[in-house]
């Protein structure tokens, strides 16, 4: 049985990767006045838009890797 948490984690990871690739404005180019409330906006204010894109890719791949690790853990359990 696949855990729902692994599916949600994989979906978030894929969403982040697709959002970075397609340059979704709310994800990689948010308004800088949201910096106190939104980590992507703070990162944009400090390091610029390109760093937000790179960070979003890294975060997406990390989520996908964690979900794959979770899937492997579930599959490797003995019944």
N, C-alpha and C. Protein backbone atom coordinates (compact mmCIF):
# COMPACT_ATOMS: atom_id res chain seq x y z
N UNK A 1 0.84 -1.19 0.00
CA UNK A 1 0.00 0.00 0.00
C UNK A 1 0.89 1.25 0.00
N UNK A 2 0.57 2.16 -0.86
CA UNK A 2 1.34 3.40 -0.95
C UNK A 2 0.74 4.42 0.02
N UNK A 3 1.60 5.06 0.76
CA UNK A 3 1.14 6.06 1.71
C UNK A 3 0.75 7.35 0.99
N UNK A 4 -0.30 7.96 1.47
CA UNK A 4 -0.79 9.20 0.87
C UNK A 4 0.25 10.30 1.00
N UNK A 5 1.00 10.32 2.09
CA UNK A 5 2.02 11.35 2.29
C UNK A 5 3.08 11.31 1.18
N UNK A 6 3.44 10.12 0.73
CA UNK A 6 4.41 10.01 -0.35
C UNK A 6 3.84 10.56 -1.66
N UNK A 7 2.58 10.31 -1.92
CA UNK A 7 1.96 10.85 -3.13
C UNK A 7 1.86 12.36 -3.09
N UNK A 8 1.50 12.90 -1.93
CA UNK A 8 1.40 14.35 -1.78
C UNK A 8 2.78 14.99 -1.95
N UNK A 9 3.80 14.38 -1.34
CA UNK A 9 5.16 14.90 -1.46
C UNK A 9 5.63 14.88 -2.91
N UNK A 10 5.34 13.80 -3.61
CA UNK A 10 5.72 13.71 -5.03
C UNK A 10 4.98 14.76 -5.85
N UNK A 11 3.71 14.96 -5.57
CA UNK A 11 2.92 15.95 -6.32
C UNK A 11 3.45 17.36 -6.09
N UNK A 12 3.82 17.67 -4.86
CA UNK A 12 4.38 18.99 -4.57
C UNK A 12 5.71 19.17 -5.29
N UNK A 13 6.54 18.13 -5.28
CA UNK A 13 7.82 18.20 -5.97
C UNK A 13 7.66 18.43 -7.46
N UNK A 14 6.75 17.70 -8.07
CA UNK A 14 6.51 17.86 -9.51
C UNK A 14 5.96 19.26 -9.80
N UNK A 15 5.07 19.74 -8.93
CA UNK A 15 4.52 21.08 -9.11
C UNK A 15 5.63 22.14 -9.04
N UNK A 16 6.56 21.98 -8.11
CA UNK A 16 7.66 22.93 -7.99
C UNK A 16 8.57 22.90 -9.22
N UNK A 17 8.86 21.71 -9.72
CA UNK A 17 9.71 21.59 -10.91
C UNK A 17 9.03 22.20 -12.13
N UNK A 18 7.77 21.87 -12.33
CA UNK A 18 7.03 22.42 -13.48
C UNK A 18 6.89 23.94 -13.33
N UNK A 19 6.63 24.40 -12.12
CA UNK A 19 6.50 25.84 -11.89
C UNK A 19 7.79 26.59 -12.16
N UNK A 20 8.92 26.00 -11.80
CA UNK A 20 10.20 26.64 -12.08
C UNK A 20 10.49 26.62 -13.57
N UNK A 21 10.18 25.52 -14.23
CA UNK A 21 10.42 25.40 -15.67
C UNK A 21 9.56 26.39 -16.46
N UNK A 22 8.29 26.48 -16.09
CA UNK A 22 7.36 27.37 -16.81
C UNK A 22 7.39 28.79 -16.29
N UNK A 23 8.21 29.04 -15.27
CA UNK A 23 8.39 30.37 -14.67
C UNK A 23 7.07 30.95 -14.18
N UNK A 24 6.33 30.14 -13.40
CA UNK A 24 5.09 30.64 -12.83
C UNK A 24 5.42 31.84 -11.96
N UNK A 25 4.80 32.93 -12.26
CA UNK A 25 5.13 34.21 -11.62
C UNK A 25 4.96 34.16 -10.11
N UNK A 26 3.90 33.57 -9.60
CA UNK A 26 3.67 33.54 -8.16
C UNK A 26 4.72 32.71 -7.44
N UNK A 27 5.40 31.83 -8.18
CA UNK A 27 6.38 30.94 -7.56
C UNK A 27 7.81 31.46 -7.68
N UNK A 28 8.19 31.96 -8.84
CA UNK A 28 9.58 32.36 -9.05
C UNK A 28 9.79 33.87 -9.18
N UNK A 29 8.73 34.64 -9.28
CA UNK A 29 8.87 36.09 -9.38
C UNK A 29 7.77 36.80 -8.59
N UNK A 30 7.70 36.52 -7.29
CA UNK A 30 6.65 37.15 -6.48
C UNK A 30 7.00 38.61 -6.18
N UNK A 31 6.02 39.41 -5.80
CA UNK A 31 6.31 40.79 -5.43
C UNK A 31 7.20 40.84 -4.18
N UNK A 32 8.18 41.74 -4.20
CA UNK A 32 9.12 41.79 -3.08
C UNK A 32 8.50 42.32 -1.80
N UNK A 33 7.34 42.97 -1.89
CA UNK A 33 6.71 43.44 -0.65
C UNK A 33 6.12 42.29 0.16
N UNK A 34 6.09 41.08 -0.40
CA UNK A 34 5.65 39.91 0.35
C UNK A 34 6.79 39.22 1.11
N UNK A 35 7.98 39.79 1.06
CA UNK A 35 9.17 39.18 1.66
C UNK A 35 9.00 38.79 3.13
N UNK A 36 8.32 39.59 3.96
CA UNK A 36 8.17 39.15 5.36
C UNK A 36 7.29 37.90 5.53
N UNK A 37 6.50 37.58 4.50
CA UNK A 37 5.53 36.50 4.62
C UNK A 37 5.80 35.30 3.72
N UNK A 38 6.62 35.48 2.70
CA UNK A 38 6.78 34.46 1.66
C UNK A 38 8.27 34.27 1.38
N UNK A 39 8.76 33.06 1.60
CA UNK A 39 10.20 32.80 1.50
C UNK A 39 10.75 33.07 0.10
N UNK A 40 9.97 32.76 -0.93
CA UNK A 40 10.44 33.00 -2.30
C UNK A 40 10.65 34.50 -2.54
N UNK A 41 9.77 35.33 -2.00
CA UNK A 41 9.91 36.78 -2.18
C UNK A 41 11.13 37.30 -1.42
N UNK A 42 11.38 36.75 -0.25
CA UNK A 42 12.57 37.15 0.51
C UNK A 42 13.84 36.76 -0.23
N UNK A 43 13.87 35.56 -0.76
CA UNK A 43 15.03 35.11 -1.53
C UNK A 43 15.23 35.97 -2.77
N UNK A 44 14.14 36.35 -3.42
CA UNK A 44 14.23 37.23 -4.58
C UNK A 44 14.80 38.58 -4.19
N UNK A 45 14.37 39.11 -3.07
CA UNK A 45 14.85 40.41 -2.62
C UNK A 45 16.35 40.37 -2.32
N UNK A 46 16.82 39.26 -1.73
CA UNK A 46 18.22 39.16 -1.32
C UNK A 46 19.13 38.79 -2.49
N UNK A 47 18.75 37.78 -3.28
CA UNK A 47 19.66 37.24 -4.29
C UNK A 47 19.20 37.39 -5.74
N UNK A 48 17.96 37.75 -5.98
CA UNK A 48 17.47 37.93 -7.34
C UNK A 48 16.62 36.77 -7.84
N UNK A 49 16.02 36.97 -8.99
CA UNK A 49 15.06 36.01 -9.55
C UNK A 49 15.74 34.69 -9.92
N UNK A 50 16.93 34.75 -10.49
CA UNK A 50 17.61 33.52 -10.92
C UNK A 50 17.84 32.57 -9.75
N UNK A 51 18.18 33.11 -8.60
CA UNK A 51 18.40 32.25 -7.43
C UNK A 51 17.09 31.61 -6.97
N UNK A 52 15.98 32.31 -7.14
CA UNK A 52 14.68 31.74 -6.78
C UNK A 52 14.36 30.56 -7.70
N UNK A 53 14.65 30.69 -8.98
CA UNK A 53 14.41 29.60 -9.93
C UNK A 53 15.26 28.38 -9.55
N UNK A 54 16.54 28.60 -9.29
CA UNK A 54 17.44 27.50 -8.92
C UNK A 54 16.98 26.86 -7.62
N UNK A 55 16.64 27.67 -6.62
CA UNK A 55 16.16 27.15 -5.34
C UNK A 55 14.88 26.33 -5.52
N UNK A 56 13.98 26.80 -6.37
CA UNK A 56 12.73 26.08 -6.59
C UNK A 56 12.98 24.74 -7.27
N UNK A 57 13.89 24.70 -8.23
CA UNK A 57 14.27 23.41 -8.83
C UNK A 57 14.84 22.47 -7.77
N UNK A 58 15.77 22.97 -6.98
CA UNK A 58 16.38 22.12 -5.94
C UNK A 58 15.34 21.61 -4.95
N UNK A 59 14.44 22.49 -4.55
CA UNK A 59 13.39 22.08 -3.62
C UNK A 59 12.47 21.03 -4.25
N UNK A 60 12.13 21.21 -5.51
CA UNK A 60 11.28 20.25 -6.20
C UNK A 60 11.94 18.88 -6.31
N UNK A 61 13.22 18.87 -6.70
CA UNK A 61 13.93 17.59 -6.81
C UNK A 61 14.11 16.94 -5.44
N UNK A 62 14.27 17.74 -4.41
CA UNK A 62 14.37 17.20 -3.05
C UNK A 62 13.05 16.54 -2.63
N UNK A 63 11.95 17.18 -2.92
CA UNK A 63 10.64 16.59 -2.59
C UNK A 63 10.43 15.28 -3.34
N UNK A 64 10.78 15.26 -4.62
CA UNK A 64 10.62 14.03 -5.40
C UNK A 64 11.52 12.93 -4.85
N UNK A 65 12.76 13.26 -4.50
CA UNK A 65 13.68 12.26 -3.94
C UNK A 65 13.16 11.73 -2.61
N UNK A 66 12.63 12.60 -1.78
CA UNK A 66 12.08 12.15 -0.50
C UNK A 66 10.87 11.23 -0.70
N UNK A 67 10.04 11.56 -1.68
CA UNK A 67 8.88 10.70 -1.92
C UNK A 67 9.32 9.34 -2.47
N UNK A 68 10.33 9.32 -3.35
CA UNK A 68 10.84 8.04 -3.85
C UNK A 68 11.45 7.22 -2.73
N UNK A 69 12.17 7.87 -1.84
CA UNK A 69 12.71 7.17 -0.67
C UNK A 69 11.58 6.58 0.18
N UNK A 70 10.52 7.35 0.37
CA UNK A 70 9.37 6.85 1.12
C UNK A 70 8.70 5.67 0.43
N UNK A 71 8.57 5.76 -0.90
CA UNK A 71 7.99 4.64 -1.65
C UNK A 71 8.84 3.38 -1.48
N UNK A 72 10.15 3.54 -1.58
CA UNK A 72 11.04 2.39 -1.41
C UNK A 72 10.95 1.80 -0.02
N UNK A 73 10.82 2.64 0.97
CA UNK A 73 10.68 2.15 2.35
C UNK A 73 9.39 1.35 2.51
N UNK A 74 8.32 1.84 1.90
CA UNK A 74 7.04 1.14 1.99
C UNK A 74 7.13 -0.20 1.26
N UNK A 75 7.73 -0.19 0.06
CA UNK A 75 7.82 -1.41 -0.73
C UNK A 75 8.76 -2.44 -0.13
N UNK A 76 9.75 -2.00 0.64
CA UNK A 76 10.73 -2.93 1.18
C UNK A 76 10.27 -3.58 2.48
N UNK A 77 9.16 -3.15 3.03
CA UNK A 77 8.64 -3.76 4.25
C UNK A 77 8.15 -5.17 3.96
N UNK A 78 8.38 -6.04 4.90
CA UNK A 78 7.88 -7.41 4.73
C UNK A 78 6.52 -7.53 5.41
N UNK A 79 5.61 -8.17 4.74
CA UNK A 79 4.25 -8.31 5.26
C UNK A 79 4.17 -9.35 6.35
